[in-house]
Each structure stands twice: as structure tokens, then as C-alpha cells.
């Protein structure tokens, strides 16, 4: 019998090679991501997770983990990775921003246990309490989150896409 969700543990990933171990299907479950986007994320793991360290001549001699990026795998010793979370700490908004989270279908439930586990984990991180007071996330499923106590943000996300220049945007009345 597989372990219960509450028995799975989040483990931080700071190594880009370990990022590649997150099963692709967990990314594919996120409605907003298509195959091309998933490939781009996986190919850029080093840029997502680390910052280059340069010597006095400007030559990259290594990398260090980005302190404001937190990617964690939901893990079981016997079963491997069953979910993941990708968040950033935003110093301007003084919040934790969740870019993505996904869990194996066998651990998805109507009671929102995974979302609750994500929030509990984020609030347990060794960061300033100022960040823990506000957790933001964009979603295409707001009602599911509202059922779990989340509120719609007063801020609206804006996109600037598929426009070749600002002039084209102005000509189209955008």
C-alpha cells in the first residue's frame, strides 16, 4: 500500500541535475504548460536554480544556489518523487510566489490536502516571517483554491505577448 500524502516529505532541490529527475508527467498535469514550455523549463534548470560565480577575470568558475528560488520534490524513499513545488521569495511584495505545484493523481483529493501541505511546508521554511504572511499564486482554477481559503488577489496579472513591438501594440489599440 502506498504511503499517505502526509507521510511524503518535501526535499529542496538545488542541483540542476536533480531538477531533471522530477517526472515530466507532473509538469504535464499543469494546464497552463505545453510541451514546448516544459522543455524550456527543463533545459534551463541551471539558470532557474543557480547564479554563476566569476573570478576576477570574469570567467565563470562555478555556481551557487539562488537563495530566492525554492524548488522542492515531494518524495518517498521507496516510490521516488510524487510531486513538486516551485516558489520564489519576492522582496518587493514581501511574499512567497508559487510558480507551480503538482502532485501525482493518486494523491489528489477533493479536500485540498496537497494544497494545504504546500502552504504548511512554505510556512515552515527558514525565511523571514514577513514572507510567510502572504502566498501568491496564479491559477486557472480559482474556485478550487477559494474552497481552500485562498482569496482572489486585488492585483491583476498582465501579459505582453505575441507583439513584435510596442508600436504594433499601439496600432492595435492594446
N, C-alpha and C. Protein backbone atom coordinates (compact mmCIF):
# COMPACT_ATOMS: atom_id res chain seq x y z
N UNK A 1 0.85 -1.19 0.00
CA UNK A 1 0.00 0.00 0.00
C UNK A 1 0.89 1.25 0.00
N UNK A 2 0.63 2.19 -0.92
CA UNK A 2 1.46 3.39 -0.98
C UNK A 2 1.28 4.24 0.28
N UNK A 3 2.30 5.02 0.62
CA UNK A 3 2.19 5.88 1.80
C UNK A 3 1.12 6.95 1.59
N UNK A 4 0.60 7.45 2.68
CA UNK A 4 -0.38 8.53 2.63
C UNK A 4 0.34 9.84 2.31
N UNK A 5 -0.41 10.81 1.81
CA UNK A 5 0.16 12.11 1.47
C UNK A 5 0.91 12.71 2.65
N UNK A 6 0.35 12.59 3.83
CA UNK A 6 1.01 13.19 5.00
C UNK A 6 2.35 12.53 5.33
N UNK A 7 2.59 11.32 4.80
CA UNK A 7 3.86 10.64 5.04
C UNK A 7 4.95 11.06 4.05
N UNK A 8 4.57 11.69 2.94
CA UNK A 8 5.55 12.16 1.96
C UNK A 8 6.20 13.44 2.48
N UNK A 9 7.46 13.63 2.15
CA UNK A 9 8.21 14.79 2.63
C UNK A 9 8.71 15.64 1.46
N UNK A 10 8.69 16.95 1.65
CA UNK A 10 9.29 17.85 0.67
C UNK A 10 10.80 17.89 0.92
N UNK A 11 11.57 17.79 -0.17
CA UNK A 11 13.02 17.87 -0.12
C UNK A 11 13.46 18.93 -1.12
N UNK A 12 14.22 19.92 -0.66
CA UNK A 12 14.65 21.01 -1.55
C UNK A 12 15.62 20.49 -2.61
N UNK A 13 15.44 21.00 -3.82
CA UNK A 13 16.33 20.68 -4.94
C UNK A 13 17.14 21.93 -5.27
N UNK A 14 18.47 21.81 -5.18
CA UNK A 14 19.33 22.94 -5.56
C UNK A 14 20.25 22.57 -6.72
N UNK A 15 20.30 21.30 -7.05
CA UNK A 15 21.17 20.82 -8.13
C UNK A 15 20.36 20.68 -9.42
N UNK A 16 20.76 21.37 -10.49
CA UNK A 16 20.02 21.27 -11.75
C UNK A 16 19.86 19.84 -12.27
N UNK A 17 20.82 18.97 -11.98
CA UNK A 17 20.69 17.58 -12.42
C UNK A 17 19.57 16.87 -11.67
N UNK A 18 19.35 17.22 -10.43
CA UNK A 18 18.24 16.63 -9.68
C UNK A 18 16.90 17.18 -10.15
N UNK A 19 16.90 18.43 -10.61
CA UNK A 19 15.68 19.03 -11.16
C UNK A 19 15.17 18.16 -12.31
N UNK A 20 16.09 17.61 -13.10
CA UNK A 20 15.72 16.78 -14.25
C UNK A 20 15.06 15.47 -13.82
N UNK A 21 15.20 15.09 -12.56
CA UNK A 21 14.62 13.85 -12.07
C UNK A 21 13.12 14.01 -11.78
N UNK A 22 12.64 15.24 -11.66
CA UNK A 22 11.20 15.44 -11.45
C UNK A 22 10.48 14.87 -12.67
N UNK A 23 9.57 13.93 -12.46
CA UNK A 23 8.90 13.30 -13.60
C UNK A 23 8.16 14.31 -14.48
N UNK A 24 8.31 14.14 -15.77
CA UNK A 24 7.70 15.04 -16.74
C UNK A 24 6.18 15.11 -16.58
N UNK A 25 5.54 13.99 -16.24
CA UNK A 25 4.08 13.98 -16.14
C UNK A 25 3.57 14.97 -15.09
N UNK A 26 4.40 15.27 -14.08
CA UNK A 26 3.98 16.24 -13.07
C UNK A 26 3.87 17.64 -13.67
N UNK A 27 4.76 17.97 -14.61
CA UNK A 27 4.66 19.24 -15.33
C UNK A 27 3.47 19.20 -16.29
N UNK A 28 3.27 18.07 -16.95
CA UNK A 28 2.19 17.94 -17.94
C UNK A 28 0.81 18.09 -17.31
N UNK A 29 0.68 17.80 -16.03
CA UNK A 29 -0.61 17.96 -15.34
C UNK A 29 -1.00 19.42 -15.15
N UNK A 30 -0.06 20.32 -15.29
CA UNK A 30 -0.34 21.75 -15.11
C UNK A 30 -0.91 22.28 -16.41
N UNK A 31 -2.19 22.64 -16.39
CA UNK A 31 -2.91 23.04 -17.61
C UNK A 31 -2.21 24.12 -18.42
N UNK A 32 -1.61 25.07 -17.73
CA UNK A 32 -1.04 26.22 -18.41
C UNK A 32 0.26 25.90 -19.16
N UNK A 33 0.84 24.75 -18.92
CA UNK A 33 2.11 24.40 -19.56
C UNK A 33 1.89 23.48 -20.76
N UNK A 34 2.53 23.81 -21.88
CA UNK A 34 2.51 22.90 -23.02
C UNK A 34 3.89 22.25 -23.12
N UNK A 35 4.04 21.33 -24.05
CA UNK A 35 5.29 20.59 -24.19
C UNK A 35 6.49 21.47 -24.42
N UNK A 36 6.33 22.50 -25.24
CA UNK A 36 7.44 23.42 -25.53
C UNK A 36 7.87 24.16 -24.26
N UNK A 37 6.89 24.59 -23.47
CA UNK A 37 7.20 25.30 -22.23
C UNK A 37 7.91 24.37 -21.24
N UNK A 38 7.43 23.14 -21.16
CA UNK A 38 8.05 22.17 -20.24
C UNK A 38 9.49 21.91 -20.65
N UNK A 39 9.71 21.73 -21.95
CA UNK A 39 11.08 21.51 -22.44
C UNK A 39 11.98 22.69 -22.08
N UNK A 40 11.47 23.91 -22.25
CA UNK A 40 12.25 25.11 -21.95
C UNK A 40 12.60 25.18 -20.46
N UNK A 41 11.65 24.85 -19.62
CA UNK A 41 11.89 24.86 -18.17
C UNK A 41 12.98 23.85 -17.82
N UNK A 42 12.83 22.64 -18.34
CA UNK A 42 13.79 21.58 -18.01
C UNK A 42 15.19 21.89 -18.57
N UNK A 43 15.24 22.48 -19.76
CA UNK A 43 16.53 22.81 -20.37
C UNK A 43 17.23 23.96 -19.64
N UNK A 44 16.47 24.78 -18.93
CA UNK A 44 17.04 25.95 -18.25
C UNK A 44 17.15 25.77 -16.75
N UNK A 45 17.20 24.54 -16.30
CA UNK A 45 17.27 24.27 -14.85
C UNK A 45 18.45 24.98 -14.20
N UNK A 46 19.59 25.01 -14.88
CA UNK A 46 20.77 25.67 -14.30
C UNK A 46 20.50 27.15 -14.08
N UNK A 47 19.87 27.82 -15.05
CA UNK A 47 19.56 29.25 -14.91
C UNK A 47 18.48 29.49 -13.87
N UNK A 48 17.56 28.56 -13.72
CA UNK A 48 16.47 28.70 -12.76
C UNK A 48 17.00 28.56 -11.33
N UNK A 49 17.89 27.60 -11.13
CA UNK A 49 18.32 27.24 -9.78
C UNK A 49 19.60 27.92 -9.29
N UNK A 50 20.45 28.36 -10.20
CA UNK A 50 21.76 28.82 -9.76
C UNK A 50 22.15 30.17 -10.35
N UNK A 51 23.14 30.77 -9.73
CA UNK A 51 23.74 32.01 -10.21
C UNK A 51 25.23 31.73 -10.41
N UNK A 52 25.80 32.22 -11.52
CA UNK A 52 27.22 31.93 -11.77
C UNK A 52 28.15 32.67 -10.80
N UNK A 53 29.25 32.03 -10.48
CA UNK A 53 30.31 32.64 -9.68
C UNK A 53 31.47 32.89 -10.62
N UNK A 54 31.94 34.14 -10.65
CA UNK A 54 33.03 34.50 -11.57
C UNK A 54 34.28 34.88 -10.81
N UNK A 55 35.41 34.62 -11.44
CA UNK A 55 36.68 35.04 -10.85
C UNK A 55 36.95 36.49 -11.23
N UNK A 56 38.09 37.02 -10.83
CA UNK A 56 38.41 38.43 -11.08
C UNK A 56 38.54 38.76 -12.56
N UNK A 57 38.70 37.75 -13.41
CA UNK A 57 38.79 37.97 -14.86
C UNK A 57 37.44 37.84 -15.56
N UNK A 58 36.39 37.59 -14.78
CA UNK A 58 35.06 37.45 -15.35
C UNK A 58 34.76 36.07 -15.91
N UNK A 59 35.59 35.11 -15.59
CA UNK A 59 35.39 33.73 -16.05
C UNK A 59 34.55 32.99 -15.02
N UNK A 60 33.51 32.30 -15.49
CA UNK A 60 32.65 31.53 -14.59
C UNK A 60 33.46 30.36 -14.03
N UNK A 61 33.53 30.28 -12.72
CA UNK A 61 34.30 29.22 -12.07
C UNK A 61 33.41 28.27 -11.27
N UNK A 62 32.12 28.53 -11.25
CA UNK A 62 31.20 27.67 -10.53
C UNK A 62 29.84 28.32 -10.42
N UNK A 63 28.98 27.72 -9.63
CA UNK A 63 27.65 28.27 -9.40
C UNK A 63 27.29 28.15 -7.93
N UNK A 64 26.35 28.97 -7.52
CA UNK A 64 25.77 28.91 -6.19
C UNK A 64 24.26 28.86 -6.33
N UNK A 65 23.57 28.24 -5.38
CA UNK A 65 22.11 28.21 -5.45
C UNK A 65 21.53 29.62 -5.31
N UNK A 66 20.48 29.90 -6.07
CA UNK A 66 19.75 31.16 -5.89
C UNK A 66 19.00 31.06 -4.58
N UNK A 67 19.19 32.04 -3.73
CA UNK A 67 18.57 31.99 -2.41
C UNK A 67 17.08 32.28 -2.45
N UNK A 68 16.61 33.01 -3.46
CA UNK A 68 15.19 33.35 -3.51
C UNK A 68 14.36 32.34 -4.29
N UNK A 69 14.98 31.29 -4.82
CA UNK A 69 14.25 30.25 -5.55
C UNK A 69 14.18 29.01 -4.67
N UNK A 70 12.98 28.46 -4.56
CA UNK A 70 12.81 27.27 -3.73
C UNK A 70 12.03 26.24 -4.54
N UNK A 71 12.73 25.21 -4.97
CA UNK A 71 12.09 24.10 -5.66
C UNK A 71 12.24 22.88 -4.77
N UNK A 72 11.14 22.20 -4.54
CA UNK A 72 11.17 21.04 -3.65
C UNK A 72 10.39 19.90 -4.28
N UNK A 73 10.90 18.70 -4.10
CA UNK A 73 10.22 17.50 -4.58
C UNK A 73 9.48 16.87 -3.41
N UNK A 74 8.27 16.43 -3.66
CA UNK A 74 7.51 15.67 -2.66
C UNK A 74 7.93 14.22 -2.84
N UNK A 75 8.55 13.66 -1.83
CA UNK A 75 9.37 12.48 -2.01
C UNK A 75 9.04 11.37 -1.02
N UNK A 76 9.18 10.13 -1.51
CA UNK A 76 9.12 8.94 -0.68
C UNK A 76 10.33 8.08 -1.03
N UNK A 77 11.01 7.56 -0.03
CA UNK A 77 12.22 6.77 -0.25
C UNK A 77 11.98 5.60 -1.20
N UNK A 78 10.86 4.93 -1.07
CA UNK A 78 10.58 3.75 -1.90
C UNK A 78 9.96 4.11 -3.25
N UNK A 79 9.13 5.14 -3.28
CA UNK A 79 8.39 5.46 -4.51
C UNK A 79 9.02 6.56 -5.34
N UNK A 80 9.94 7.32 -4.77
CA UNK A 80 10.56 8.42 -5.51
C UNK A 80 9.73 9.69 -5.43
N UNK A 81 9.83 10.52 -6.46
CA UNK A 81 9.16 11.82 -6.48
C UNK A 81 7.70 11.66 -6.89
N UNK A 82 6.82 12.18 -6.05
CA UNK A 82 5.38 12.10 -6.29
C UNK A 82 4.73 13.47 -6.47
N UNK A 83 5.52 14.51 -6.38
CA UNK A 83 5.01 15.86 -6.56
C UNK A 83 6.15 16.85 -6.50
N UNK A 84 5.85 18.11 -6.79
CA UNK A 84 6.87 19.15 -6.67
C UNK A 84 6.23 20.50 -6.44
N UNK A 85 7.07 21.42 -6.01
CA UNK A 85 6.68 22.80 -5.73
C UNK A 85 7.80 23.70 -6.22
N UNK A 86 7.42 24.81 -6.87
CA UNK A 86 8.41 25.78 -7.35
C UNK A 86 7.93 27.15 -6.89
N UNK A 87 8.71 27.78 -6.03
CA UNK A 87 8.33 29.08 -5.48
C UNK A 87 9.52 30.03 -5.47
N UNK A 88 9.22 31.31 -5.37
CA UNK A 88 10.22 32.37 -5.22
C UNK A 88 9.82 33.23 -4.04
N UNK A 89 10.83 33.83 -3.41
CA UNK A 89 10.58 34.80 -2.36
C UNK A 89 10.70 36.17 -3.00
N UNK A 90 9.65 36.96 -2.92
CA UNK A 90 9.59 38.26 -3.57
C UNK A 90 9.80 39.35 -2.52
N UNK A 91 10.95 40.01 -2.58
CA UNK A 91 11.29 41.04 -1.60
C UNK A 91 10.49 42.31 -1.74
N UNK A 92 10.00 42.60 -2.93
CA UNK A 92 9.20 43.81 -3.14
C UNK A 92 7.80 43.62 -2.57
N UNK A 93 7.17 42.51 -2.92
CA UNK A 93 5.82 42.22 -2.43
C UNK A 93 5.83 41.65 -1.00
N UNK A 94 7.02 41.25 -0.54
CA UNK A 94 7.16 40.57 0.75
C UNK A 94 6.21 39.38 0.82
N UNK A 95 6.42 38.47 -0.13
CA UNK A 95 5.56 37.30 -0.20
C UNK A 95 6.32 36.12 -0.77
N UNK A 96 5.67 34.98 -0.71
CA UNK A 96 6.14 33.79 -1.41
C UNK A 96 5.25 33.67 -2.64
N UNK A 97 5.86 33.58 -3.81
CA UNK A 97 5.10 33.41 -5.04
C UNK A 97 5.30 31.99 -5.54
N UNK A 98 4.21 31.26 -5.67
CA UNK A 98 4.25 29.88 -6.16
C UNK A 98 4.10 29.90 -7.67
N UNK A 99 5.14 29.46 -8.37
CA UNK A 99 5.09 29.38 -9.83
C UNK A 99 4.32 28.14 -10.27
N UNK A 100 4.55 27.03 -9.59
CA UNK A 100 3.91 25.78 -9.98
C UNK A 100 3.95 24.80 -8.82
N UNK A 101 2.94 23.96 -8.78
CA UNK A 101 2.95 22.81 -7.88
C UNK A 101 2.09 21.73 -8.52
N UNK A 102 2.49 20.51 -8.32
CA UNK A 102 1.78 19.39 -8.95
C UNK A 102 2.02 18.15 -8.10
N UNK A 103 1.03 17.28 -8.08
CA UNK A 103 1.16 16.04 -7.31
C UNK A 103 0.57 14.90 -8.13
N UNK A 104 1.11 13.72 -7.93
CA UNK A 104 0.62 12.52 -8.59
C UNK A 104 -0.89 12.38 -8.36
N UNK A 105 -1.58 11.90 -9.37
CA UNK A 105 -3.05 11.80 -9.29
C UNK A 105 -3.52 11.00 -8.09
N UNK A 106 -2.75 10.00 -7.68
CA UNK A 106 -3.19 9.18 -6.55
C UNK A 106 -3.22 9.97 -5.24
N UNK A 107 -2.57 11.14 -5.22
CA UNK A 107 -2.56 11.96 -4.02
C UNK A 107 -3.42 13.22 -4.16
N UNK A 108 -4.10 13.36 -5.29
CA UNK A 108 -5.02 14.49 -5.47
C UNK A 108 -6.33 14.15 -4.76
N UNK A 109 -6.91 15.14 -4.11
CA UNK A 109 -8.15 14.88 -3.39
C UNK A 109 -9.04 16.12 -3.39
N UNK A 110 -10.31 15.87 -3.21
CA UNK A 110 -11.29 16.96 -3.20
C UNK A 110 -11.13 17.85 -1.97
N UNK A 111 -10.51 17.33 -0.92
CA UNK A 111 -10.37 18.14 0.30
C UNK A 111 -9.18 19.09 0.27
N UNK A 112 -8.42 19.09 -0.84
CA UNK A 112 -7.31 20.03 -0.98
C UNK A 112 -6.12 19.73 -0.10
N UNK A 113 -5.92 18.47 0.27
CA UNK A 113 -4.84 18.11 1.18
C UNK A 113 -3.47 18.50 0.64
N UNK A 114 -3.25 18.37 -0.67
CA UNK A 114 -1.95 18.73 -1.23
C UNK A 114 -1.70 20.23 -1.12
N UNK A 115 -2.69 21.04 -1.45
CA UNK A 115 -2.53 22.50 -1.33
C UNK A 115 -2.25 22.87 0.12
N UNK A 116 -2.96 22.24 1.04
CA UNK A 116 -2.71 22.51 2.46
C UNK A 116 -1.29 22.12 2.84
N UNK A 117 -0.80 21.01 2.30
CA UNK A 117 0.56 20.56 2.58
C UNK A 117 1.58 21.56 2.03
N UNK A 118 1.31 22.09 0.84
CA UNK A 118 2.19 23.09 0.23
C UNK A 118 2.27 24.33 1.13
N UNK A 119 1.12 24.83 1.56
CA UNK A 119 1.09 26.02 2.42
C UNK A 119 1.83 25.75 3.73
N UNK A 120 1.55 24.61 4.33
CA UNK A 120 2.22 24.25 5.59
C UNK A 120 3.74 24.19 5.40
N UNK A 121 4.17 23.59 4.31
CA UNK A 121 5.61 23.50 4.03
C UNK A 121 6.22 24.88 3.83
N UNK A 122 5.57 25.72 3.01
CA UNK A 122 6.11 27.06 2.76
C UNK A 122 6.22 27.87 4.05
N UNK A 123 5.25 27.71 4.91
CA UNK A 123 5.28 28.46 6.18
C UNK A 123 6.32 27.92 7.15
N UNK A 124 6.84 26.72 6.87
CA UNK A 124 7.86 26.14 7.75
C UNK A 124 9.29 26.48 7.30
N UNK A 125 9.44 27.13 6.16
CA UNK A 125 10.77 27.41 5.62
C UNK A 125 11.55 28.39 6.49
N UNK A 126 12.87 28.27 6.49
CA UNK A 126 13.71 29.15 7.31
C UNK A 126 13.93 30.52 6.65
N UNK A 127 12.84 31.27 6.54
CA UNK A 127 12.90 32.61 5.94
C UNK A 127 12.19 33.58 6.87
N UNK A 128 12.30 34.85 6.57
CA UNK A 128 11.66 35.89 7.37
C UNK A 128 10.15 35.67 7.44
N UNK A 129 9.61 35.91 8.61
CA UNK A 129 8.16 35.78 8.81
C UNK A 129 7.39 36.71 7.89
N UNK A 130 8.00 37.83 7.48
CA UNK A 130 7.34 38.78 6.59
C UNK A 130 6.87 38.11 5.30
N UNK A 131 7.67 37.17 4.80
CA UNK A 131 7.32 36.48 3.56
C UNK A 131 6.19 35.48 3.76
N UNK A 132 6.12 34.90 4.93
CA UNK A 132 5.17 33.82 5.20
C UNK A 132 3.74 34.30 5.36
N UNK A 133 3.55 35.61 5.53
CA UNK A 133 2.21 36.14 5.73
C UNK A 133 1.38 36.21 4.45
N UNK A 134 2.06 36.17 3.30
CA UNK A 134 1.32 36.26 2.03
C UNK A 134 1.92 35.27 1.04
N UNK A 135 1.08 34.39 0.53
CA UNK A 135 1.48 33.44 -0.50
C UNK A 135 0.62 33.73 -1.72
N UNK A 136 1.28 34.01 -2.84
CA UNK A 136 0.58 34.32 -4.09
C UNK A 136 0.77 33.18 -5.08
N UNK A 137 -0.21 33.02 -5.96
CA UNK A 137 -0.14 32.00 -7.00
C UNK A 137 -1.09 32.39 -8.11
N UNK A 138 -0.67 32.19 -9.35
CA UNK A 138 -1.62 32.37 -10.44
C UNK A 138 -2.19 31.00 -10.77
N UNK A 139 -3.45 30.95 -11.14
CA UNK A 139 -4.10 29.67 -11.41
C UNK A 139 -5.22 29.85 -12.42
N UNK A 140 -5.52 28.79 -13.11
CA UNK A 140 -6.69 28.78 -13.99
C UNK A 140 -7.86 28.10 -13.27
N UNK A 141 -7.66 27.75 -12.01
CA UNK A 141 -8.69 27.08 -11.22
C UNK A 141 -8.96 27.83 -9.91
N UNK A 142 -9.38 29.09 -9.99
CA UNK A 142 -9.53 29.88 -8.76
C UNK A 142 -10.55 29.31 -7.78
N UNK A 143 -11.61 28.71 -8.28
CA UNK A 143 -12.64 28.19 -7.37
C UNK A 143 -12.10 27.08 -6.48
N UNK A 144 -11.22 26.26 -7.02
CA UNK A 144 -10.62 25.19 -6.22
C UNK A 144 -9.82 25.76 -5.06
N UNK A 145 -9.13 26.86 -5.32
CA UNK A 145 -8.32 27.48 -4.26
C UNK A 145 -9.20 28.26 -3.29
N UNK A 146 -10.24 28.89 -3.79
CA UNK A 146 -11.15 29.63 -2.90
C UNK A 146 -11.80 28.68 -1.90
N UNK A 147 -12.08 27.46 -2.32
CA UNK A 147 -12.65 26.46 -1.40
C UNK A 147 -11.68 26.12 -0.28
N UNK A 148 -10.41 26.38 -0.49
CA UNK A 148 -9.37 26.06 0.50
C UNK A 148 -8.95 27.29 1.31
N UNK A 149 -9.69 28.38 1.18
CA UNK A 149 -9.39 29.57 1.98
C UNK A 149 -8.55 30.63 1.30
N UNK A 150 -8.20 30.42 0.04
CA UNK A 150 -7.45 31.43 -0.71
C UNK A 150 -8.41 32.52 -1.16
N UNK A 151 -7.90 33.73 -1.33
CA UNK A 151 -8.69 34.85 -1.82
C UNK A 151 -8.15 35.30 -3.17
N UNK A 152 -9.04 35.87 -3.97
CA UNK A 152 -8.58 36.45 -5.23
C UNK A 152 -7.79 37.71 -4.90
N UNK A 153 -6.68 37.86 -5.56
CA UNK A 153 -5.80 39.00 -5.33
C UNK A 153 -6.42 40.27 -5.89
N UNK A 154 -6.08 41.39 -5.29
CA UNK A 154 -6.54 42.68 -5.82
C UNK A 154 -5.74 43.06 -7.06
N UNK A 155 -4.55 42.50 -7.18
CA UNK A 155 -3.72 42.78 -8.34
C UNK A 155 -4.11 41.84 -9.48
N UNK A 156 -3.95 42.34 -10.68
CA UNK A 156 -4.26 41.57 -11.87
C UNK A 156 -2.97 41.34 -12.64
N UNK A 157 -2.75 40.12 -13.06
CA UNK A 157 -1.58 39.83 -13.89
C UNK A 157 -1.84 40.31 -15.29
N UNK A 158 -0.84 40.96 -15.87
CA UNK A 158 -0.92 41.45 -17.24
C UNK A 158 0.11 40.69 -18.07
N UNK A 159 -0.19 40.50 -19.34
CA UNK A 159 0.73 39.81 -20.24
C UNK A 159 1.07 40.70 -21.43
N UNK A 160 2.26 40.58 -21.91
CA UNK A 160 2.70 41.25 -23.13
C UNK A 160 3.25 40.15 -24.02
N UNK A 161 2.42 39.67 -24.95
CA UNK A 161 2.80 38.51 -25.75
C UNK A 161 2.45 38.71 -27.21
N UNK A 162 3.14 37.98 -28.05
CA UNK A 162 2.85 37.88 -29.49
C UNK A 162 2.75 39.23 -30.19
N UNK A 163 3.47 40.19 -29.68
CA UNK A 163 3.51 41.51 -30.31
C UNK A 163 4.96 41.77 -30.65
N UNK A 164 5.22 42.16 -31.87
CA UNK A 164 6.61 42.32 -32.30
C UNK A 164 7.25 43.60 -31.77
N UNK A 165 6.44 44.61 -31.49
CA UNK A 165 7.00 45.85 -30.96
C UNK A 165 5.92 46.63 -30.24
N UNK A 166 6.35 47.61 -29.48
CA UNK A 166 5.41 48.48 -28.77
C UNK A 166 4.56 49.24 -29.78
N UNK A 167 5.15 49.63 -30.92
CA UNK A 167 4.40 50.36 -31.95
C UNK A 167 3.24 49.52 -32.47
N UNK A 168 3.48 48.21 -32.70
CA UNK A 168 2.41 47.32 -33.15
C UNK A 168 1.29 47.28 -32.12
N UNK A 169 1.67 47.27 -30.85
CA UNK A 169 0.70 47.24 -29.78
C UNK A 169 -0.17 48.49 -29.81
N UNK A 170 0.44 49.65 -29.99
CA UNK A 170 -0.30 50.92 -30.03
C UNK A 170 -1.22 50.99 -31.24
N UNK A 171 -0.77 50.48 -32.38
CA UNK A 171 -1.59 50.49 -33.60
C UNK A 171 -2.83 49.62 -33.45
N UNK A 172 -2.71 48.56 -32.66
CA UNK A 172 -3.83 47.65 -32.48
C UNK A 172 -4.75 48.08 -31.34
N UNK A 173 -4.45 49.20 -30.73
CA UNK A 173 -5.29 49.71 -29.65
C UNK A 173 -5.10 48.97 -28.34
N UNK A 174 -4.03 48.24 -28.22
CA UNK A 174 -3.76 47.49 -26.98
C UNK A 174 -2.99 48.33 -25.98
